[in-house]
Amino acid sequence: MLGKKLYKTSTLNMFRIIILAIVVFFFNDFYLQTFTYENFQAQGRFKILDVMNYHLTYPYEFIIFFCLIIIPAIYYGLIRGASFHEKGFIFNKGLPFLNKTVMYDEIKSYKLLHPEVALSIHGKNGEVYVIADNNAERVIAILDQHNIKGDFAQDDYVKLITNYKKFIMIVISFTVLIFLLKRLGLFQIMM
């Protein structure tokens, strides 16, 4: 339907560092908290292999860690992005089932928000798609090939920074919420 894939955007490096920091934070907590479990203290010698053997025997905590931390980190850090094809692009709105297909003839214009990493694509129906990528020039080249008019003025740059701050605050808030729920024992198995 859309033709051959031309380019796929990736997560900004700044967000990848934030995601990696969150994974390291939760992994450290996961690893150190293992030492406090009664079953581990009875059989463990407090080595890395002992922790791995414990979680192979009692996988509940590891499954929770994997589903809440590792899967979202891989998705948002490596997989998520907009993919540009010959006839249109697929815009990812956050989760795989929220993807939206946009044909190039439905696009009115684009506007550069940041000289290197972000632009907004304006549809004829009034929708705005913000594309943040480590290589925004590639996206601009694809749009230019389809005769889509662009504006390189950066008056919306302040709004973009505000959106980044909102995103970072949401990520930090979610991290703190999961950490507090974990500390309250919500994810521990009842024995």
N, C-alpha and C. Protein backbone atom coordinates (compact mmCIF):
# COMPACT_ATOMS: atom_id res chain seq x y z
N MET A 1 0.82 -1.20 0.00
CA MET A 1 0.00 0.00 0.00
C MET A 1 0.87 1.27 0.00
N LEU A 2 1.88 1.32 0.85
CA LEU A 2 2.72 2.51 0.94
C LEU A 2 3.98 2.43 0.09
N GLY A 3 4.26 1.28 -0.46
CA GLY A 3 5.46 1.12 -1.26
C GLY A 3 6.67 0.73 -0.42
N LYS A 4 7.82 0.87 -1.02
CA LYS A 4 9.07 0.48 -0.38
C LYS A 4 9.42 1.43 0.77
N LYS A 5 9.98 0.87 1.83
CA LYS A 5 10.38 1.66 2.98
C LYS A 5 11.63 2.46 2.64
N LEU A 6 11.59 3.77 2.89
CA LEU A 6 12.72 4.64 2.60
C LEU A 6 13.56 4.94 3.83
N TYR A 7 12.90 5.17 4.97
CA TYR A 7 13.64 5.60 6.16
C TYR A 7 12.77 5.37 7.40
N LYS A 8 13.41 5.03 8.51
CA LYS A 8 12.72 4.90 9.80
C LYS A 8 13.42 5.78 10.81
N THR A 9 12.64 6.62 11.47
CA THR A 9 13.23 7.50 12.48
C THR A 9 13.57 6.69 13.72
N SER A 10 14.44 7.25 14.54
CA SER A 10 14.85 6.58 15.77
C SER A 10 14.68 7.53 16.95
N THR A 11 14.73 6.99 18.13
CA THR A 11 14.62 7.79 19.34
C THR A 11 15.84 8.69 19.46
N LEU A 12 15.61 9.91 19.93
CA LEU A 12 16.73 10.83 20.14
C LEU A 12 17.70 10.25 21.15
N ASN A 13 18.97 10.51 20.94
CA ASN A 13 20.00 9.97 21.83
C ASN A 13 19.80 10.40 23.28
N MET A 14 19.31 11.63 23.49
CA MET A 14 19.07 12.12 24.85
C MET A 14 18.04 11.23 25.57
N PHE A 15 16.98 10.84 24.85
CA PHE A 15 15.96 9.99 25.45
C PHE A 15 16.48 8.57 25.67
N ARG A 16 17.36 8.10 24.79
CA ARG A 16 17.95 6.78 24.99
C ARG A 16 18.79 6.75 26.25
N ILE A 17 19.50 7.82 26.54
CA ILE A 17 20.30 7.90 27.76
C ILE A 17 19.39 7.90 28.98
N ILE A 18 18.28 8.62 28.91
CA ILE A 18 17.32 8.65 30.03
C ILE A 18 16.74 7.26 30.25
N ILE A 19 16.36 6.58 29.18
CA ILE A 19 15.81 5.23 29.28
C ILE A 19 16.84 4.27 29.87
N LEU A 20 18.07 4.37 29.41
CA LEU A 20 19.14 3.51 29.95
C LEU A 20 19.36 3.77 31.43
N ALA A 21 19.31 5.03 31.85
CA ALA A 21 19.48 5.36 33.27
C ALA A 21 18.36 4.76 34.11
N ILE A 22 17.14 4.78 33.58
CA ILE A 22 16.01 4.19 34.31
C ILE A 22 16.18 2.68 34.43
N VAL A 23 16.61 2.03 33.35
CA VAL A 23 16.83 0.58 33.39
C VAL A 23 17.92 0.23 34.40
N VAL A 24 19.01 0.98 34.40
CA VAL A 24 20.10 0.72 35.35
C VAL A 24 19.62 0.93 36.79
N PHE A 25 18.84 1.99 37.02
CA PHE A 25 18.30 2.28 38.35
C PHE A 25 17.45 1.11 38.85
N PHE A 26 16.50 0.65 38.02
CA PHE A 26 15.63 -0.44 38.45
C PHE A 26 16.36 -1.77 38.53
N PHE A 27 17.34 -2.00 37.65
CA PHE A 27 18.10 -3.25 37.74
C PHE A 27 18.90 -3.29 39.05
N ASN A 28 19.49 -2.18 39.41
CA ASN A 28 20.24 -2.10 40.67
C ASN A 28 19.31 -2.39 41.85
N ASP A 29 18.13 -1.80 41.84
CA ASP A 29 17.17 -2.05 42.91
C ASP A 29 16.74 -3.51 42.91
N PHE A 30 16.47 -4.06 41.73
CA PHE A 30 16.06 -5.46 41.59
C PHE A 30 17.14 -6.39 42.14
N TYR A 31 18.38 -6.13 41.78
CA TYR A 31 19.50 -6.97 42.20
C TYR A 31 19.71 -6.89 43.71
N LEU A 32 19.76 -5.68 44.25
CA LEU A 32 20.02 -5.52 45.69
C LEU A 32 18.86 -5.99 46.55
N GLN A 33 17.64 -5.85 46.05
CA GLN A 33 16.50 -6.29 46.84
C GLN A 33 16.44 -7.82 46.94
N THR A 34 17.04 -8.50 45.99
CA THR A 34 17.07 -9.96 46.04
C THR A 34 17.75 -10.44 47.32
N PHE A 35 18.75 -9.72 47.79
CA PHE A 35 19.46 -10.11 49.00
C PHE A 35 18.59 -10.07 50.25
N THR A 36 17.46 -9.37 50.21
CA THR A 36 16.60 -9.24 51.39
C THR A 36 15.54 -10.34 51.48
N TYR A 37 15.38 -11.16 50.46
CA TYR A 37 14.35 -12.20 50.48
C TYR A 37 14.77 -13.35 51.38
N GLU A 38 13.81 -13.87 52.16
CA GLU A 38 14.10 -14.96 53.09
C GLU A 38 14.63 -16.19 52.39
N ASN A 39 13.98 -16.56 51.30
CA ASN A 39 14.40 -17.76 50.57
C ASN A 39 15.81 -17.61 50.02
N PHE A 40 16.20 -16.43 49.63
CA PHE A 40 17.55 -16.22 49.12
C PHE A 40 18.57 -16.27 50.25
N GLN A 41 18.23 -15.68 51.38
CA GLN A 41 19.17 -15.65 52.50
C GLN A 41 19.44 -17.05 53.03
N ALA A 42 18.45 -17.92 52.94
CA ALA A 42 18.62 -19.28 53.44
C ALA A 42 19.57 -20.09 52.56
N GLN A 43 19.60 -19.83 51.27
CA GLN A 43 20.42 -20.65 50.37
C GLN A 43 21.51 -19.88 49.64
N GLY A 44 21.47 -18.56 49.66
CA GLY A 44 22.40 -17.78 48.85
C GLY A 44 23.74 -17.53 49.51
N ARG A 45 24.72 -17.31 48.65
CA ARG A 45 26.04 -16.94 49.12
C ARG A 45 26.38 -15.52 48.66
N PHE A 46 25.37 -14.83 48.21
CA PHE A 46 25.48 -13.41 47.85
C PHE A 46 26.46 -13.17 46.69
N LYS A 47 26.38 -14.00 45.67
CA LYS A 47 27.14 -13.81 44.45
C LYS A 47 26.17 -13.63 43.29
N ILE A 48 26.68 -13.17 42.17
CA ILE A 48 25.83 -12.91 41.01
C ILE A 48 25.14 -14.18 40.54
N LEU A 49 25.85 -15.29 40.50
CA LEU A 49 25.25 -16.55 40.06
C LEU A 49 24.16 -17.02 41.03
N ASP A 50 24.34 -16.74 42.31
CA ASP A 50 23.31 -17.09 43.28
C ASP A 50 22.03 -16.30 43.04
N VAL A 51 22.17 -15.03 42.68
CA VAL A 51 21.00 -14.21 42.36
C VAL A 51 20.30 -14.76 41.13
N MET A 52 21.07 -15.13 40.11
CA MET A 52 20.46 -15.68 38.89
C MET A 52 19.76 -17.00 39.18
N ASN A 53 20.39 -17.86 39.97
CA ASN A 53 19.75 -19.14 40.32
C ASN A 53 18.47 -18.92 41.13
N TYR A 54 18.49 -17.96 42.03
CA TYR A 54 17.30 -17.67 42.82
C TYR A 54 16.14 -17.26 41.90
N HIS A 55 16.43 -16.38 40.93
CA HIS A 55 15.35 -15.90 40.05
C HIS A 55 14.93 -16.93 39.02
N LEU A 56 15.76 -17.94 38.78
CA LEU A 56 15.31 -19.07 37.96
C LEU A 56 14.37 -19.97 38.76
N THR A 57 14.62 -20.06 40.05
CA THR A 57 13.76 -20.85 40.93
C THR A 57 12.46 -20.13 41.24
N TYR A 58 12.53 -18.84 41.51
CA TYR A 58 11.37 -18.00 41.83
C TYR A 58 11.29 -16.88 40.78
N PRO A 59 10.70 -17.14 39.62
CA PRO A 59 10.78 -16.18 38.51
C PRO A 59 9.79 -15.01 38.59
N TYR A 60 8.92 -14.98 39.58
CA TYR A 60 7.87 -13.96 39.63
C TYR A 60 8.45 -12.54 39.56
N GLU A 61 9.41 -12.22 40.39
CA GLU A 61 10.01 -10.88 40.42
C GLU A 61 10.69 -10.54 39.09
N PHE A 62 11.38 -11.53 38.50
CA PHE A 62 12.05 -11.28 37.23
C PHE A 62 11.04 -11.04 36.11
N ILE A 63 9.95 -11.76 36.10
CA ILE A 63 8.91 -11.55 35.08
C ILE A 63 8.33 -10.15 35.20
N ILE A 64 8.06 -9.71 36.41
CA ILE A 64 7.55 -8.35 36.63
C ILE A 64 8.58 -7.32 36.15
N PHE A 65 9.83 -7.50 36.52
CA PHE A 65 10.90 -6.60 36.09
C PHE A 65 11.01 -6.56 34.57
N PHE A 66 10.97 -7.72 33.95
CA PHE A 66 11.09 -7.80 32.50
C PHE A 66 9.92 -7.11 31.80
N CYS A 67 8.71 -7.34 32.28
CA CYS A 67 7.52 -6.76 31.63
C CYS A 67 7.38 -5.26 31.88
N LEU A 68 7.73 -4.79 33.07
CA LEU A 68 7.56 -3.37 33.39
C LEU A 68 8.74 -2.49 32.98
N ILE A 69 9.93 -3.05 32.89
CA ILE A 69 11.11 -2.24 32.63
C ILE A 69 11.77 -2.58 31.29
N ILE A 70 12.12 -3.82 31.07
CA ILE A 70 12.91 -4.20 29.90
C ILE A 70 12.11 -4.06 28.60
N ILE A 71 10.90 -4.60 28.54
CA ILE A 71 10.11 -4.52 27.30
C ILE A 71 9.83 -3.07 26.90
N PRO A 72 9.33 -2.20 27.82
CA PRO A 72 9.12 -0.81 27.40
C PRO A 72 10.43 -0.10 27.01
N ALA A 73 11.54 -0.42 27.68
CA ALA A 73 12.82 0.22 27.35
C ALA A 73 13.26 -0.17 25.94
N ILE A 74 13.11 -1.43 25.58
CA ILE A 74 13.47 -1.86 24.23
C ILE A 74 12.55 -1.22 23.21
N TYR A 75 11.26 -1.19 23.49
CA TYR A 75 10.31 -0.61 22.54
C TYR A 75 10.56 0.88 22.32
N TYR A 76 10.63 1.64 23.42
CA TYR A 76 10.78 3.10 23.29
C TYR A 76 12.20 3.51 22.93
N GLY A 77 13.19 2.71 23.27
CA GLY A 77 14.56 3.07 22.96
C GLY A 77 15.04 2.63 21.59
N LEU A 78 14.50 1.51 21.09
CA LEU A 78 15.02 0.95 19.85
C LEU A 78 14.00 0.78 18.74
N ILE A 79 12.77 0.42 19.05
CA ILE A 79 11.80 0.04 18.02
C ILE A 79 10.93 1.20 17.56
N ARG A 80 10.42 1.99 18.49
CA ARG A 80 9.45 3.03 18.17
C ARG A 80 10.03 4.08 17.22
N GLY A 81 9.19 4.54 16.29
CA GLY A 81 9.60 5.58 15.36
C GLY A 81 8.63 5.66 14.19
N ALA A 82 8.73 6.72 13.42
CA ALA A 82 7.91 6.88 12.23
C ALA A 82 8.68 6.30 11.05
N SER A 83 7.98 5.54 10.23
CA SER A 83 8.65 4.97 9.05
C SER A 83 8.10 5.61 7.79
N PHE A 84 9.01 6.09 6.96
CA PHE A 84 8.66 6.79 5.73
C PHE A 84 8.79 5.82 4.56
N HIS A 85 7.75 5.81 3.72
CA HIS A 85 7.69 4.93 2.56
C HIS A 85 7.57 5.77 1.29
N GLU A 86 7.43 5.12 0.15
CA GLU A 86 7.36 5.82 -1.13
C GLU A 86 6.11 6.68 -1.28
N LYS A 87 4.98 6.24 -0.72
CA LYS A 87 3.71 6.95 -0.92
C LYS A 87 3.17 7.63 0.34
N GLY A 88 3.77 7.36 1.48
CA GLY A 88 3.29 7.94 2.72
C GLY A 88 4.17 7.50 3.88
N PHE A 89 3.73 7.84 5.10
CA PHE A 89 4.48 7.43 6.28
C PHE A 89 3.55 6.91 7.35
N ILE A 90 4.11 6.11 8.23
CA ILE A 90 3.37 5.56 9.36
C ILE A 90 3.87 6.29 10.60
N PHE A 91 2.95 7.00 11.26
CA PHE A 91 3.28 7.78 12.45
C PHE A 91 2.91 6.98 13.68
N ASN A 92 3.87 6.77 14.57
CA ASN A 92 3.67 6.00 15.79
C ASN A 92 3.25 6.96 16.89
N LYS A 93 2.06 6.75 17.43
CA LYS A 93 1.54 7.64 18.47
C LYS A 93 1.87 7.17 19.88
N GLY A 94 2.74 6.20 20.03
CA GLY A 94 3.16 5.77 21.36
C GLY A 94 3.10 4.28 21.56
N LEU A 95 2.06 3.64 21.09
CA LEU A 95 1.92 2.20 21.21
C LEU A 95 1.68 1.62 19.82
N PRO A 96 2.08 0.38 19.57
CA PRO A 96 1.98 -0.18 18.21
C PRO A 96 0.57 -0.14 17.62
N PHE A 97 -0.47 -0.31 18.43
CA PHE A 97 -1.82 -0.35 17.87
C PHE A 97 -2.39 1.05 17.64
N LEU A 98 -1.66 2.11 17.98
CA LEU A 98 -2.10 3.48 17.72
C LEU A 98 -1.45 4.08 16.48
N ASN A 99 -0.72 3.29 15.70
CA ASN A 99 -0.06 3.81 14.51
C ASN A 99 -1.08 4.37 13.54
N LYS A 100 -0.67 5.43 12.83
CA LYS A 100 -1.55 6.07 11.86
C LYS A 100 -0.82 6.20 10.54
N THR A 101 -1.47 5.80 9.47
CA THR A 101 -0.90 5.91 8.13
C THR A 101 -1.31 7.25 7.53
N VAL A 102 -0.33 7.99 7.02
CA VAL A 102 -0.57 9.30 6.42
C VAL A 102 0.04 9.28 5.01
N MET A 103 -0.78 9.55 4.02
CA MET A 103 -0.30 9.62 2.64
C MET A 103 0.31 11.01 2.41
N TYR A 104 1.28 11.08 1.50
CA TYR A 104 1.94 12.36 1.24
C TYR A 104 0.99 13.40 0.64
N ASP A 105 -0.05 12.96 -0.09
CA ASP A 105 -1.00 13.94 -0.65
C ASP A 105 -1.93 14.51 0.41
N GLU A 106 -1.90 13.98 1.65
CA GLU A 106 -2.69 14.50 2.76
C GLU A 106 -1.90 15.54 3.57
N ILE A 107 -0.65 15.80 3.18
CA ILE A 107 0.21 16.72 3.93
C ILE A 107 0.21 18.08 3.26
N LYS A 108 0.00 19.11 4.06
CA LYS A 108 0.01 20.48 3.55
C LYS A 108 1.41 21.06 3.56
N SER A 109 2.12 20.93 4.69
CA SER A 109 3.46 21.52 4.81
C SER A 109 4.19 20.92 5.99
N TYR A 110 5.43 21.31 6.13
CA TYR A 110 6.20 20.93 7.32
C TYR A 110 6.92 22.17 7.83
N LYS A 111 7.30 22.13 9.08
CA LYS A 111 7.99 23.25 9.71
C LYS A 111 9.13 22.72 10.55
N LEU A 112 10.29 23.30 10.39
CA LEU A 112 11.46 22.90 11.15
C LEU A 112 11.35 23.47 12.57
N LEU A 113 11.43 22.61 13.56
CA LEU A 113 11.34 23.05 14.95
C LEU A 113 12.71 23.19 15.60
N HIS A 114 13.60 22.32 15.22
CA HIS A 114 14.98 22.35 15.72
C HIS A 114 15.87 22.06 14.52
N PRO A 115 16.96 22.78 14.36
CA PRO A 115 17.77 22.64 13.15
C PRO A 115 18.29 21.22 12.87
N GLU A 116 18.42 20.41 13.88
CA GLU A 116 19.02 19.10 13.64
C GLU A 116 18.12 17.93 13.99
N VAL A 117 17.15 18.11 14.87
CA VAL A 117 16.47 16.92 15.39
C VAL A 117 14.94 16.90 15.32
N ALA A 118 14.27 17.97 15.02
CA ALA A 118 12.81 17.94 15.10
C ALA A 118 12.14 18.79 14.04
N LEU A 119 11.00 18.28 13.56
CA LEU A 119 10.16 19.04 12.64
C LEU A 119 8.72 18.63 12.86
N SER A 120 7.81 19.51 12.47
CA SER A 120 6.39 19.20 12.56
C SER A 120 5.84 19.11 11.16
N ILE A 121 4.99 18.12 10.94
CA ILE A 121 4.34 17.92 9.65
C ILE A 121 2.87 18.25 9.84
N HIS A 122 2.37 19.16 9.00
CA HIS A 122 1.00 19.64 9.12
C HIS A 122 0.15 19.01 8.02
N GLY A 123 -0.92 18.33 8.43
CA GLY A 123 -1.82 17.70 7.48
C GLY A 123 -2.87 18.69 6.99
N LYS A 124 -3.49 18.37 5.86
CA LYS A 124 -4.55 19.22 5.31
C LYS A 124 -5.78 19.23 6.20
N ASN A 125 -5.96 18.20 7.01
CA ASN A 125 -7.11 18.13 7.91
C ASN A 125 -6.84 18.80 9.26
N GLY A 126 -5.68 19.44 9.42
CA GLY A 126 -5.36 20.17 10.64
C GLY A 126 -4.52 19.41 11.65
N GLU A 127 -4.27 18.14 11.39
CA GLU A 127 -3.44 17.37 12.32
C GLU A 127 -1.98 17.77 12.20
N VAL A 128 -1.27 17.69 13.34
CA VAL A 128 0.15 18.01 13.37
C VAL A 128 0.90 16.79 13.90
N TYR A 129 1.94 16.39 13.18
CA TYR A 129 2.76 15.25 13.57
C TYR A 129 4.16 15.78 13.87
N VAL A 130 4.63 15.57 15.07
CA VAL A 130 5.97 16.00 15.45
C VAL A 130 6.92 14.82 15.28
N ILE A 131 7.92 15.03 14.45
CA ILE A 131 8.92 14.00 14.18
C ILE A 131 10.22 14.45 14.83
N ALA A 132 10.71 13.67 15.78
CA ALA A 132 12.01 13.93 16.41
C ALA A 132 12.93 12.79 16.04
N ASP A 133 14.05 13.13 15.43
CA ASP A 133 14.98 12.11 14.94
C ASP A 133 16.39 12.66 15.01
N ASN A 134 17.35 11.78 15.13
CA ASN A 134 18.74 12.20 15.17
C ASN A 134 19.22 12.73 13.81
N ASN A 135 18.45 12.48 12.75
CA ASN A 135 18.81 12.91 11.41
C ASN A 135 17.58 13.50 10.71
N ALA A 136 17.16 14.68 11.12
CA ALA A 136 15.96 15.30 10.56
C ALA A 136 16.14 15.69 9.10
N GLU A 137 17.38 15.87 8.66
CA GLU A 137 17.63 16.23 7.27
C GLU A 137 17.13 15.16 6.31
N ARG A 138 17.23 13.92 6.73
CA ARG A 138 16.76 12.80 5.90
C ARG A 138 15.25 12.87 5.70
N VAL A 139 14.52 13.19 6.76
CA VAL A 139 13.07 13.33 6.66
C VAL A 139 12.71 14.50 5.77
N ILE A 140 13.42 15.61 5.91
CA ILE A 140 13.16 16.79 5.07
C ILE A 140 13.42 16.45 3.60
N ALA A 141 14.45 15.69 3.32
CA ALA A 141 14.74 15.30 1.94
C ALA A 141 13.61 14.47 1.35
N ILE A 142 13.05 13.56 2.13
CA ILE A 142 11.94 12.74 1.64
C ILE A 142 10.71 13.60 1.38
N LEU A 143 10.43 14.54 2.28
CA LEU A 143 9.28 15.43 2.08
C LEU A 143 9.48 16.34 0.87
N ASP A 144 10.70 16.83 0.68
CA ASP A 144 10.99 17.67 -0.47
C ASP A 144 10.84 16.90 -1.79
N GLN A 145 11.16 15.64 -1.80
CA GLN A 145 11.00 14.81 -3.00
C GLN A 145 9.54 14.70 -3.42
N HIS A 146 8.64 14.86 -2.47
CA HIS A 146 7.20 14.78 -2.77
C HIS A 146 6.57 16.17 -2.89
N ASN A 147 7.40 17.18 -3.11
CA ASN A 147 6.95 18.57 -3.34
C ASN A 147 6.08 19.11 -2.21
N ILE A 148 6.45 18.79 -1.00
CA ILE A 148 5.75 19.32 0.17
C ILE A 148 6.50 20.56 0.62
N LYS A 149 5.76 21.66 0.77
CA LYS A 149 6.38 22.93 1.13
C LYS A 149 6.82 22.91 2.58
N GLY A 150 7.97 23.54 2.84
CA GLY A 150 8.51 23.58 4.18
C GLY A 150 8.83 24.99 4.63
N ASP A 151 8.86 25.16 5.93
CA ASP A 151 9.20 26.43 6.54
C ASP A 151 10.32 26.17 7.54
N PHE A 152 11.40 26.93 7.40
CA PHE A 152 12.56 26.71 8.27
C PHE A 152 12.61 27.70 9.44
N ALA A 153 11.56 28.50 9.63
CA ALA A 153 11.50 29.40 10.79
C ALA A 153 11.31 28.57 12.05
N GLN A 154 11.91 28.99 13.15
CA GLN A 154 11.88 28.19 14.37
C GLN A 154 11.06 28.84 15.48
N ASP A 155 9.92 29.41 15.16
CA ASP A 155 9.12 30.07 16.19
C ASP A 155 8.43 29.09 17.13
N ASP A 156 8.25 27.85 16.73
CA ASP A 156 7.62 26.85 17.60
C ASP A 156 8.64 26.09 18.43
N TYR A 157 9.90 26.50 18.38
CA TYR A 157 10.96 25.80 19.10
C TYR A 157 10.71 25.80 20.61
N VAL A 158 10.19 26.89 21.14
CA VAL A 158 9.92 26.98 22.58
C VAL A 158 8.87 25.96 22.97
N LYS A 159 7.84 25.78 22.14
CA LYS A 159 6.82 24.78 22.44
C LYS A 159 7.40 23.38 22.43
N LEU A 160 8.34 23.12 21.54
CA LEU A 160 8.98 21.82 21.47
C LEU A 160 9.76 21.53 22.75
N ILE A 161 10.51 22.51 23.24
CA ILE A 161 11.26 22.33 24.48
C ILE A 161 10.30 22.05 25.62
N THR A 162 9.16 22.73 25.65
CA THR A 162 8.16 22.49 26.68
C THR A 162 7.65 21.05 26.58
N ASN A 163 7.44 20.54 25.36
CA ASN A 163 6.99 19.16 25.19
C ASN A 163 8.05 18.18 25.67
N TYR A 164 9.34 18.46 25.41
CA TYR A 164 10.40 17.61 25.92
C TYR A 164 10.39 17.59 27.44
N LYS A 165 10.21 18.76 28.04
CA LYS A 165 10.16 18.83 29.50
C LYS A 165 8.97 18.04 30.03
N LYS A 166 7.82 18.14 29.36
CA LYS A 166 6.65 17.36 29.78
C LYS A 166 6.93 15.88 29.66
N PHE A 167 7.56 15.47 28.57
CA PHE A 167 7.88 14.06 28.37
C PHE A 167 8.82 13.56 29.46
N ILE A 168 9.85 14.32 29.75
CA ILE A 168 10.81 13.92 30.78
C ILE A 168 10.12 13.86 32.14
N MET A 169 9.24 14.79 32.43
CA MET A 169 8.52 14.78 33.71
C MET A 169 7.59 13.56 33.80
N ILE A 170 6.95 13.20 32.68
CA ILE A 170 6.09 12.02 32.68
C ILE A 170 6.92 10.77 32.92
N VAL A 171 8.07 10.66 32.28
CA VAL A 171 8.94 9.49 32.46
C VAL A 171 9.42 9.40 33.90
N ILE A 172 9.86 10.52 34.45
CA ILE A 172 10.33 10.52 35.84
C ILE A 172 9.20 10.19 36.80
N SER A 173 8.02 10.77 36.58
CA SER A 173 6.86 10.50 37.45
C SER A 173 6.48 9.02 37.40
N PHE A 174 6.45 8.45 36.18
CA PHE A 174 6.13 7.03 36.05
C PHE A 174 7.17 6.17 36.75
N THR A 175 8.43 6.54 36.63
CA THR A 175 9.51 5.80 37.29
C THR A 175 9.34 5.83 38.81
N VAL A 176 9.07 6.99 39.33
CA VAL A 176 8.88 7.13 40.79
C VAL A 176 7.65 6.35 41.24
N LEU A 177 6.57 6.39 40.46
CA LEU A 177 5.36 5.65 40.80
C LEU A 177 5.62 4.15 40.85
N ILE A 178 6.27 3.61 39.82
CA ILE A 178 6.58 2.18 39.80
C ILE A 178 7.50 1.82 40.95
N PHE A 179 8.49 2.67 41.24
CA PHE A 179 9.42 2.41 42.33
C PHE A 179 8.67 2.38 43.67
N LEU A 180 7.78 3.34 43.90
CA LEU A 180 7.03 3.37 45.15
C LEU A 180 6.10 2.17 45.27
N LEU A 181 5.41 1.81 44.18
CA LEU A 181 4.54 0.64 44.22
C LEU A 181 5.33 -0.63 44.48
N LYS A 182 6.51 -0.70 43.92
CA LYS A 182 7.38 -1.87 44.16
C LYS A 182 7.82 -1.90 45.62
N ARG A 183 8.19 -0.74 46.15
CA ARG A 183 8.63 -0.67 47.56
C ARG A 183 7.49 -0.97 48.53
N LEU A 184 6.26 -0.65 48.14
CA LEU A 184 5.11 -0.95 48.99
C LEU A 184 4.73 -2.43 48.93
N GLY A 185 5.36 -3.17 48.04
CA GLY A 185 5.13 -4.62 47.98
C GLY A 185 4.00 -5.02 47.07
N LEU A 186 3.55 -4.15 46.19
CA LEU A 186 2.42 -4.47 45.33
C LEU A 186 2.76 -5.58 44.34
N PHE A 187 4.02 -5.69 43.92
CA PHE A 187 4.39 -6.67 42.91
C PHE A 187 5.01 -7.94 43.51
N GLN A 188 5.02 -8.06 44.81
CA GLN A 188 5.61 -9.25 45.43
C GLN A 188 4.57 -10.35 45.52
N ILE A 189 5.04 -11.55 45.38
CA ILE A 189 4.15 -12.72 45.45
C ILE A 189 3.76 -12.98 46.91
N MET A 190 2.50 -13.31 47.10
CA MET A 190 2.02 -13.60 48.46
C MET A 190 2.42 -15.03 48.82
N MET A 191 3.15 -15.17 49.91
CA MET A 191 3.58 -16.51 50.35
C MET A 191 2.93 -16.87 51.65
